[in-house]
Amino acid sequence: MINPEWTRCVVALGTNLGDRQDIAFRALADVAATEGFRVVASSSLHETVALTHNGFDSSAPGYLNQVMVLESAWSPQRTLDHLLAIETAHGRVREAGQYADRTLDLDLITYGDLIHHSESLTLPHPRAHQRRFVLEPWLEIDPQATIPEKGKVAKLLGALPTTS
């Protein structure tokens, strides 16, 4: 049972540089070790084609993707701040742009049922419902999952082309 003082969150993990499997393993361990976080479930690792400015590119370094469900005792912004600190600890540099290769990407997908838009954080994640590499691993660990204002993850996934 979820403690009412904690908020259920969904976090997507992606890595396409370095020892991707080791980075994913260590990042999940770092999230689990963060004070105020409790990892409830984590998907298996999913190999995916890189998404670039021009769409999916099989010639670019591929990604390992994973989704975790966690409970956070922190505010949405503080939750994001902790995730960004873990990215930085794994060598993530944010200067290269939205579709740049990265050692680690941790996206806060949902924070309970919160709908939130600010300069630094949009919840739910504005493109999660369009990304097979988020929806497939999420559905693996939570078959009843929903994205606030978007609907059931299973239905959203079923509507996507197989290359997204």
C-alpha atoms as a PDB file:
ATOM      1  CA  MET A   1       0.000   0.000   0.000  1.00  0.00           C
ATOM      2  CA  ILE A   2       1.262   3.483  -0.843  1.00  0.00           C
ATOM      3  CA  ASN A   3       1.842   5.806   2.085  1.00  0.00           C
ATOM      4  CA  PRO A   4      -0.370   8.895   1.520  1.00  0.00           C
ATOM      5  CA  GLU A   5       2.615  11.146   2.280  1.00  0.00           C
ATOM      6  CA  TRP A   6       4.432   9.760  -0.772  1.00  0.00           C
ATOM      7  CA  THR A   7       3.541  10.381  -4.406  1.00  0.00           C
ATOM      8  CA  ARG A   8       3.684   7.672  -7.066  1.00  0.00           C
ATOM      9  CA  CYS A   9       5.869   8.734 -10.001  1.00  0.00           C
ATOM     10  CA  VAL A  10       6.916   7.227 -13.290  1.00  0.00           C
ATOM     11  CA  VAL A  11      10.469   7.810 -14.503  1.00  0.00           C
ATOM     12  CA  ALA A  12      11.859   6.841 -17.911  1.00  0.00           C
ATOM     13  CA  LEU A  13      15.549   5.996 -18.218  1.00  0.00           C
ATOM     14  CA  GLY A  14      17.538   6.052 -21.441  1.00  0.00           C
ATOM     15  CA  THR A  15      21.223   5.639 -22.250  1.00  0.00           C
ATOM     16  CA  ASN A  16      23.091   5.333 -25.553  1.00  0.00           C
ATOM     17  CA  LEU A  17      26.725   6.118 -24.676  1.00  0.00           C
ATOM     18  CA  GLY A  18      29.283   4.089 -22.770  1.00  0.00           C
ATOM     19  CA  ASP A  19      28.496   0.777 -21.072  1.00  0.00           C
ATOM     20  CA  ARG A  20      24.747   1.246 -21.360  1.00  0.00           C
ATOM     21  CA  GLN A  21      23.774  -1.811 -19.322  1.00  0.00           C
ATOM     22  CA  ASP A  22      26.091  -0.848 -16.465  1.00  0.00           C
ATOM     23  CA  ILE A  23      24.901   2.778 -16.565  1.00  0.00           C
ATOM     24  CA  ALA A  24      21.253   1.693 -16.431  1.00  0.00           C
ATOM     25  CA  PHE A  25      21.944  -0.699 -13.563  1.00  0.00           C
ATOM     26  CA  ARG A  26      23.854   1.916 -11.567  1.00  0.00           C
ATOM     27  CA  ALA A  27      21.343   4.683 -12.279  1.00  0.00           C
ATOM     28  CA  LEU A  28      18.478   2.522 -11.020  1.00  0.00           C
ATOM     29  CA  ALA A  29      20.531   1.752  -7.900  1.00  0.00           C
ATOM     30  CA  ASP A  30      21.223   5.476  -7.433  1.00  0.00           C
ATOM     31  CA  VAL A  31      17.524   6.302  -7.707  1.00  0.00           C
ATOM     32  CA  ALA A  32      16.716   3.562  -5.179  1.00  0.00           C
ATOM     33  CA  ALA A  33      19.416   4.889  -2.817  1.00  0.00           C
ATOM     34  CA  THR A  34      18.163   8.492  -2.944  1.00  0.00           C
ATOM     35  CA  GLU A  35      16.653   9.655   0.315  1.00  0.00           C
ATOM     36  CA  GLY A  36      12.940  10.242  -0.189  1.00  0.00           C
ATOM     37  CA  PHE A  37      12.636   7.810  -3.128  1.00  0.00           C
ATOM     38  CA  ARG A  38      11.324   4.244  -3.011  1.00  0.00           C
ATOM     39  CA  VAL A  39      11.470   2.217  -6.214  1.00  0.00           C
ATOM     40  CA  VAL A  40       8.273   0.167  -6.471  1.00  0.00           C
ATOM     41  CA  ALA A  41       8.929  -1.531  -9.825  1.00  0.00           C
ATOM     42  CA  SER A  42      11.312  -1.396 -12.764  1.00  0.00           C
ATOM     43  CA  SER A  43      10.950  -2.814 -16.245  1.00  0.00           C
ATOM     44  CA  SER A  44      13.441  -4.893 -18.112  1.00  0.00           C
ATOM     45  CA  LEU A  45      15.855  -3.085 -20.422  1.00  0.00           C
ATOM     46  CA  HIS A  46      14.543  -2.431 -23.930  1.00  0.00           C
ATOM     47  CA  GLU A  47      16.881  -1.927 -26.891  1.00  0.00           C
ATOM     48  CA  THR A  48      15.610   0.891 -29.112  1.00  0.00           C
ATOM     49  CA  VAL A  49      16.656   2.835 -32.182  1.00  0.00           C
ATOM     50  CA  ALA A  50      17.873   6.399 -31.519  1.00  0.00           C
ATOM     51  CA  LEU A  51      15.364   9.213 -31.972  1.00  0.00           C
ATOM     52  CA  THR A  52      16.948  12.225 -33.699  1.00  0.00           C
ATOM     53  CA  HIS A  53      15.731  15.568 -35.069  1.00  0.00           C
ATOM     54  CA  ASN A  54      14.997  13.739 -38.329  1.00  0.00           C
ATOM     55  CA  GLY A  55      13.146  10.823 -36.729  1.00  0.00           C
ATOM     56  CA  PHE A  56      14.428   7.374 -35.869  1.00  0.00           C
ATOM     57  CA  ASP A  57      17.981   6.654 -37.053  1.00  0.00           C
ATOM     58  CA  SER A  58      19.314   3.091 -36.963  1.00  0.00           C
ATOM     59  CA  SER A  59      22.822   4.344 -37.842  1.00  0.00           C
ATOM     60  CA  ALA A  60      23.028   6.364 -34.587  1.00  0.00           C
ATOM     61  CA  PRO A  61      24.042   4.672 -31.323  1.00  0.00           C
ATOM     62  CA  GLY A  62      21.036   2.706 -30.043  1.00  0.00           C
ATOM     63  CA  TYR A  63      19.430   3.219 -26.659  1.00  0.00           C
ATOM     64  CA  LEU A  64      18.691   1.028 -23.714  1.00  0.00           C
ATOM     65  CA  ASN A  65      15.418   2.198 -22.197  1.00  0.00           C
ATOM     66  CA  GLN A  66      13.737   1.320 -18.931  1.00  0.00           C
ATOM     67  CA  VAL A  67      10.829   2.632 -16.904  1.00  0.00           C
ATOM     68  CA  MET A  68      10.578   2.673 -13.148  1.00  0.00           C
ATOM     69  CA  VAL A  69       7.711   3.396 -10.832  1.00  0.00           C
ATOM     70  CA  LEU A  70       8.774   5.089  -7.643  1.00  0.00           C
ATOM     71  CA  GLU A  71       7.278   6.819  -4.672  1.00  0.00           C
ATOM     72  CA  SER A  72       8.665  10.249  -3.890  1.00  0.00           C
ATOM     73  CA  ALA A  73       8.472  12.158  -0.636  1.00  0.00           C
ATOM     74  CA  TRP A  74       9.613  15.281  -2.498  1.00  0.00           C
ATOM     75  CA  SER A  75       7.762  17.969  -4.429  1.00  0.00           C
ATOM     76  CA  PRO A  76       7.660  17.537  -8.217  1.00  0.00           C
ATOM     77  CA  GLN A  77      10.485  20.048  -8.745  1.00  0.00           C
ATOM     78  CA  ARG A  78      12.651  18.509  -6.017  1.00  0.00           C
ATOM     79  CA  THR A  79      11.985  15.051  -7.481  1.00  0.00           C
ATOM     80  CA  LEU A  80      13.206  16.324 -10.852  1.00  0.00           C
ATOM     81  CA  ASP A  81      16.229  17.989  -9.218  1.00  0.00           C
ATOM     82  CA  HIS A  82      17.269  14.660  -7.657  1.00  0.00           C
ATOM     83  CA  LEU A  83      16.909  12.904 -11.027  1.00  0.00           C
ATOM     84  CA  LEU A  84      18.986  15.588 -12.763  1.00  0.00           C
ATOM     85  CA  ALA A  85      21.692  15.231 -10.108  1.00  0.00           C
ATOM     86  CA  ILE A  86      21.848  11.487 -10.817  1.00  0.00           C
ATOM     87  CA  GLU A  87      22.180  12.230 -14.546  1.00  0.00           C
ATOM     88  CA  THR A  88      25.054  14.613 -13.835  1.00  0.00           C
ATOM     89  CA  ALA A  89      26.775  12.028 -11.632  1.00  0.00           C
ATOM     90  CA  HIS A  90      26.718   9.691 -14.647  1.00  0.00           C
ATOM     91  CA  GLY A  91      28.374  12.234 -16.935  1.00  0.00           C
ATOM     92  CA  ARG A  92      25.276  13.751 -18.538  1.00  0.00           C
ATOM     93  CA  VAL A  93      25.945  17.071 -20.248  1.00  0.00           C
ATOM     94  CA  ARG A  94      22.875  19.066 -21.314  1.00  0.00           C
ATOM     95  CA  GLU A  95      24.560  21.530 -23.680  1.00  0.00           C
ATOM     96  CA  ALA A  96      24.181  19.443 -26.841  1.00  0.00           C
ATOM     97  CA  GLY A  97      20.419  19.745 -27.391  1.00  0.00           C
ATOM     98  CA  GLN A  98      17.214  17.759 -27.194  1.00  0.00           C
ATOM     99  CA  TYR A  99      18.188  14.765 -29.346  1.00  0.00           C
ATOM    100  CA  ALA A 100      21.879  14.537 -28.484  1.00  0.00           C
ATOM    101  CA  ASP A 101      23.530  11.269 -27.514  1.00  0.00           C
ATOM    102  CA  ARG A 102      23.696  10.885 -23.748  1.00  0.00           C
ATOM    103  CA  THR A 103      25.168   8.738 -21.052  1.00  0.00           C
ATOM    104  CA  LEU A 104      21.940   8.979 -19.075  1.00  0.00           C
ATOM    105  CA  ASP A 105      18.526  10.550 -19.439  1.00  0.00           C
ATOM    106  CA  LEU A 106      16.014  10.397 -16.566  1.00  0.00           C
ATOM    107  CA  ASP A 107      12.632  11.874 -17.474  1.00  0.00           C
ATOM    108  CA  LEU A 108       9.915  12.445 -14.904  1.00  0.00           C
ATOM    109  CA  ILE A 109       6.882  11.183 -16.819  1.00  0.00           C
ATOM    110  CA  THR A 110       4.170  11.495 -14.181  1.00  0.00           C
ATOM    111  CA  TYR A 111       3.932  12.725 -10.617  1.00  0.00           C
ATOM    112  CA  GLY A 112       0.705  11.251  -9.296  1.00  0.00           C
ATOM    113  CA  ASP A 113      -2.158  12.735 -11.291  1.00  0.00           C
ATOM    114  CA  LEU A 114      -0.618  16.208 -11.283  1.00  0.00           C
ATOM    115  CA  ILE A 115      -1.030  18.424 -14.327  1.00  0.00           C
ATOM    116  CA  HIS A 116       1.714  21.048 -14.184  1.00  0.00           C
ATOM    117  CA  HIS A 117       3.352  23.445 -16.644  1.00  0.00           C
ATOM    118  CA  SER A 118       6.328  25.604 -15.722  1.00  0.00           C
ATOM    119  CA  GLU A 119       9.519  26.694 -17.414  1.00  0.00           C
ATOM    120  CA  SER A 120      11.468  23.811 -15.881  1.00  0.00           C
ATOM    121  CA  LEU A 121       8.873  21.032 -15.641  1.00  0.00           C
ATOM    122  CA  THR A 122       5.805  19.839 -17.533  1.00  0.00           C
ATOM    123  CA  LEU A 123       3.706  17.010 -16.124  1.00  0.00           C
ATOM    124  CA  PRO A 124       2.805  14.650 -17.459  1.00  0.00           C
ATOM    125  CA  HIS A 125       5.798  14.586 -19.787  1.00  0.00           C
ATOM    126  CA  PRO A 126       4.547  16.281 -22.970  1.00  0.00           C
ATOM    127  CA  ARG A 127       5.683  13.563 -25.417  1.00  0.00           C
ATOM    128  CA  ALA A 128       5.514  10.371 -23.334  1.00  0.00           C
ATOM    129  CA  HIS A 129       2.204   9.332 -24.887  1.00  0.00           C
ATOM    130  CA  GLN A 130       3.886   9.350 -28.325  1.00  0.00           C
ATOM    131  CA  ARG A 131       6.900   7.246 -27.411  1.00  0.00           C
ATOM    132  CA  ARG A 132       6.862   3.485 -27.683  1.00  0.00           C
ATOM    133  CA  PHE A 133      10.188   3.377 -25.798  1.00  0.00           C
ATOM    134  CA  VAL A 134       8.386   4.819 -22.760  1.00  0.00           C
ATOM    135  CA  LEU A 135       5.009   3.103 -23.094  1.00  0.00           C
ATOM    136  CA  GLU A 136       6.213  -0.484 -23.727  1.00  0.00           C
ATOM    137  CA  PRO A 137       8.410  -0.791 -20.632  1.00  0.00           C
ATOM    138  CA  TRP A 138       5.806   1.070 -18.540  1.00  0.00           C
ATOM    139  CA  LEU A 139       3.047  -1.315 -19.584  1.00  0.00           C
ATOM    140  CA  GLU A 140       5.339  -4.228 -18.695  1.00  0.00           C
ATOM    141  CA  ILE A 141       5.331  -3.198 -15.020  1.00  0.00           C
ATOM    142  CA  ASP A 142       1.890  -1.574 -14.766  1.00  0.00           C
ATOM    143  CA  PRO A 143      -0.755  -3.015 -17.124  1.00  0.00           C
ATOM    144  CA  GLN A 144      -3.374  -0.573 -15.762  1.00  0.00           C
ATOM    145  CA  ALA A 145      -1.201   2.540 -16.186  1.00  0.00           C
ATOM    146  CA  THR A 146      -2.731   5.788 -17.370  1.00  0.00           C
ATOM    147  CA  ILE A 147      -1.306   9.158 -18.337  1.00  0.00           C
ATOM    148  CA  PRO A 148      -3.336  12.041 -16.923  1.00  0.00           C
ATOM    149  CA  GLU A 149      -5.344  13.769 -19.667  1.00  0.00           C
ATOM    150  CA  LYS A 150      -4.102  11.241 -22.276  1.00  0.00           C
ATOM    151  CA  GLY A 151      -5.596   7.910 -21.234  1.00  0.00           C
ATOM    152  CA  LYS A 152      -4.616   4.288 -20.724  1.00  0.00           C
ATOM    153  CA  VAL A 153      -1.047   3.437 -21.663  1.00  0.00           C
ATOM    154  CA  ALA A 154      -2.173   0.200 -23.369  1.00  0.00           C
ATOM    155  CA  LYS A 155      -4.537   2.101 -25.660  1.00  0.00           C
ATOM    156  CA  LEU A 156      -1.961   4.816 -26.399  1.00  0.00           C
ATOM    157  CA  LEU A 157       0.655   2.180 -27.228  1.00  0.00           C
ATOM    158  CA  GLY A 158      -1.751   0.334 -29.515  1.00  0.00           C
ATOM    159  CA  ALA A 159      -2.323   3.504 -31.525  1.00  0.00           C
ATOM    160  CA  LEU A 160       1.398   4.066 -32.243  1.00  0.00           C
ATOM    161  CA  PRO A 161       3.257   2.879 -35.329  1.00  0.00           C
ATOM    162  CA  THR A 162       5.769   0.139 -34.531  1.00  0.00           C
ATOM    163  CA  THR A 163       8.754   2.436 -35.207  1.00  0.00           C
ATOM    164  CA  SER A 164       8.008   5.099 -32.546  1.00  0.00           C
END
